[in-house]
C-alpha atoms as a PDB file:
ATOM      1  CA  MET A   1      79.351  47.520 -69.067  1.00  0.00           C
ATOM      2  CA  ALA A   2      76.963  47.678 -72.020  1.00  0.00           C
ATOM      3  CA  LYS A   3      75.716  51.007 -73.248  1.00  0.00           C
ATOM      4  CA  PRO A   4      72.008  51.675 -72.789  1.00  0.00           C
ATOM      5  CA  PRO A   5      69.984  51.503 -76.007  1.00  0.00           C
ATOM      6  CA  LYS A   6      69.611  54.749 -77.887  1.00  0.00           C
ATOM      7  CA  PRO A   7      66.186  56.370 -77.847  1.00  0.00           C
ATOM      8  CA  ASP A   8      64.149  56.117 -81.038  1.00  0.00           C
ATOM      9  CA  ILE A   9      64.475  59.870 -81.543  1.00  0.00           C
ATOM     10  CA  GLN A  10      67.499  62.095 -81.945  1.00  0.00           C
ATOM     11  CA  PHE A  11      67.992  65.130 -79.768  1.00  0.00           C
ATOM     12  CA  ALA A  12      69.531  68.110 -81.530  1.00  0.00           C
ATOM     13  CA  GLY A  13      70.200  71.593 -80.272  1.00  0.00           C
ATOM     14  CA  ASP A  14      68.733  72.260 -76.828  1.00  0.00           C
ATOM     15  CA  LYS A  15      68.659  68.731 -75.427  1.00  0.00           C
ATOM     16  CA  ALA A  16      66.620  69.686 -72.338  1.00  0.00           C
ATOM     17  CA  ALA A  17      63.927  71.234 -74.542  1.00  0.00           C
ATOM     18  CA  ALA A  18      64.025  68.221 -76.865  1.00  0.00           C
ATOM     19  CA  ARG A  19      63.541  65.861 -73.913  1.00  0.00           C
ATOM     20  CA  ALA A  20      60.638  67.964 -72.624  1.00  0.00           C
ATOM     21  CA  ILE A  21      58.982  67.878 -76.052  1.00  0.00           C
ATOM     22  CA  ALA A  22      59.542  64.122 -76.322  1.00  0.00           C
ATOM     23  CA  SER A  23      57.986  63.647 -72.876  1.00  0.00           C
ATOM     24  CA  VAL A  24      54.864  65.620 -73.778  1.00  0.00           C
ATOM     25  CA  ARG A  25      54.650  63.832 -77.111  1.00  0.00           C
ATOM     26  CA  ALA A  26      54.720  60.475 -75.301  1.00  0.00           C
ATOM     27  CA  ALA A  27      52.011  61.684 -72.884  1.00  0.00           C
ATOM     28  CA  PHE A  28      49.913  62.891 -75.835  1.00  0.00           C
ATOM     29  CA  ASN A  29      50.264  59.522 -77.572  1.00  0.00           C
ATOM     30  CA  THR A  30      49.147  57.769 -74.376  1.00  0.00           C
ATOM     31  CA  ALA A  31      46.216  60.181 -74.085  1.00  0.00           C
ATOM     32  CA  LEU A  32      45.143  59.304 -77.633  1.00  0.00           C
ATOM     33  CA  GLU A  33      45.526  55.599 -76.976  1.00  0.00           C
ATOM     34  CA  THR A  34      43.328  55.844 -73.860  1.00  0.00           C
ATOM     35  CA  ARG A  35      40.994  58.442 -75.435  1.00  0.00           C
ATOM     36  CA  SER A  36      41.412  60.702 -72.427  1.00  0.00           C
ATOM     37  CA  LEU A  37      40.294  64.221 -73.283  1.00  0.00           C
ATOM     38  CA  LYS A  38      41.583  65.437 -69.899  1.00  0.00           C
ATOM     39  CA  ALA A  39      45.028  64.027 -70.621  1.00  0.00           C
ATOM     40  CA  ILE A  40      44.961  65.488 -74.149  1.00  0.00           C
ATOM     41  CA  ALA A  41      44.048  68.888 -72.687  1.00  0.00           C
ATOM     42  CA  ASP A  42      46.946  68.619 -70.230  1.00  0.00           C
ATOM     43  CA  CYS A  43      49.352  68.212 -73.164  1.00  0.00           C
ATOM     44  CA  LEU A  44      48.118  71.175 -75.208  1.00  0.00           C
ATOM     45  CA  HIS A  45      48.905  74.856 -74.803  1.00  0.00           C
ATOM     46  CA  GLU A  46      45.789  77.017 -75.054  1.00  0.00           C
ATOM     47  CA  THR A  47      47.020  78.400 -78.390  1.00  0.00           C
ATOM     48  CA  ALA A  48      48.270  75.113 -79.861  1.00  0.00           C
ATOM     49  CA  ILE A  49      47.763  74.640 -83.600  1.00  0.00           C
ATOM     50  CA  LEU A  50      47.157  71.229 -85.154  1.00  0.00           C
ATOM     51  CA  VAL A  51      48.066  70.759 -88.806  1.00  0.00           C
ATOM     52  CA  PRO A  52      45.875  67.765 -89.729  1.00  0.00           C
ATOM     53  CA  GLY A  53      46.979  67.423 -93.354  1.00  0.00           C
ATOM     54  CA  GLU A  54      47.383  69.142 -96.680  1.00  0.00           C
ATOM     55  CA  ASP A  55      43.690  69.361 -97.528  1.00  0.00           C
ATOM     56  CA  ALA A  56      42.333  70.055 -94.037  1.00  0.00           C
ATOM     57  CA  PRO A  57      42.100  73.400 -92.280  1.00  0.00           C
ATOM     58  CA  LEU A  58      44.250  74.150 -89.260  1.00  0.00           C
ATOM     59  CA  ILE A  59      42.670  73.427 -85.886  1.00  0.00           C
ATOM     60  CA  GLU A  60      43.595  76.398 -83.728  1.00  0.00           C
ATOM     61  CA  GLY A  61      43.486  76.373 -79.942  1.00  0.00           C
ATOM     62  CA  ARG A  62      43.113  73.760 -77.212  1.00  0.00           C
ATOM     63  CA  ASP A  63      39.306  73.987 -77.123  1.00  0.00           C
ATOM     64  CA  ALA A  64      38.987  73.483 -80.878  1.00  0.00           C
ATOM     65  CA  GLN A  65      41.308  70.489 -80.727  1.00  0.00           C
ATOM     66  CA  LEU A  66      39.362  68.933 -77.854  1.00  0.00           C
ATOM     67  CA  ALA A  67      36.162  69.391 -79.851  1.00  0.00           C
ATOM     68  CA  ALA A  68      37.803  67.739 -82.865  1.00  0.00           C
ATOM     69  CA  TRP A  69      39.068  64.783 -80.812  1.00  0.00           C
ATOM     70  CA  THR A  70      35.636  64.402 -79.206  1.00  0.00           C
ATOM     71  CA  THR A  71      34.083  64.177 -82.674  1.00  0.00           C
ATOM     72  CA  ILE A  72      36.709  61.715 -83.875  1.00  0.00           C
ATOM     73  CA  PHE A  73      36.303  59.501 -80.806  1.00  0.00           C
ATOM     74  CA  ASP A  74      32.491  59.597 -81.099  1.00  0.00           C
ATOM     75  CA  GLN A  75      32.432  58.906 -84.839  1.00  0.00           C
ATOM     76  CA  ALA A  76      35.150  56.257 -84.892  1.00  0.00           C
ATOM     77  CA  PRO A  77      34.877  54.225 -81.696  1.00  0.00           C
ATOM     78  CA  ASP A  78      36.672  51.289 -83.320  1.00  0.00           C
ATOM     79  CA  VAL A  79      39.757  53.310 -84.311  1.00  0.00           C
ATOM     80  CA  HIS A  80      42.705  52.939 -81.968  1.00  0.00           C
ATOM     81  CA  TYR A  81      45.805  55.099 -81.749  1.00  0.00           C
ATOM     82  CA  VAL A  82      49.004  53.249 -80.927  1.00  0.00           C
END
């Protein structure tokens, strides 16, 4: 019997926690792809911190991140996340 293909990520340490994180990450990616603010909110802890890049300030908290994604979606309707 053939082995199932390996996932595209490696699980180290606490494998249950790693799988949970990978699951939420996949849900978040789907939420971005579908531009669903509700689904994005469901993925974020209320105190989540987004590190957008070296030259950008941190975006702290679920509400601030939802506001940022709303702005991004409104200002860049032709941008798609895949």
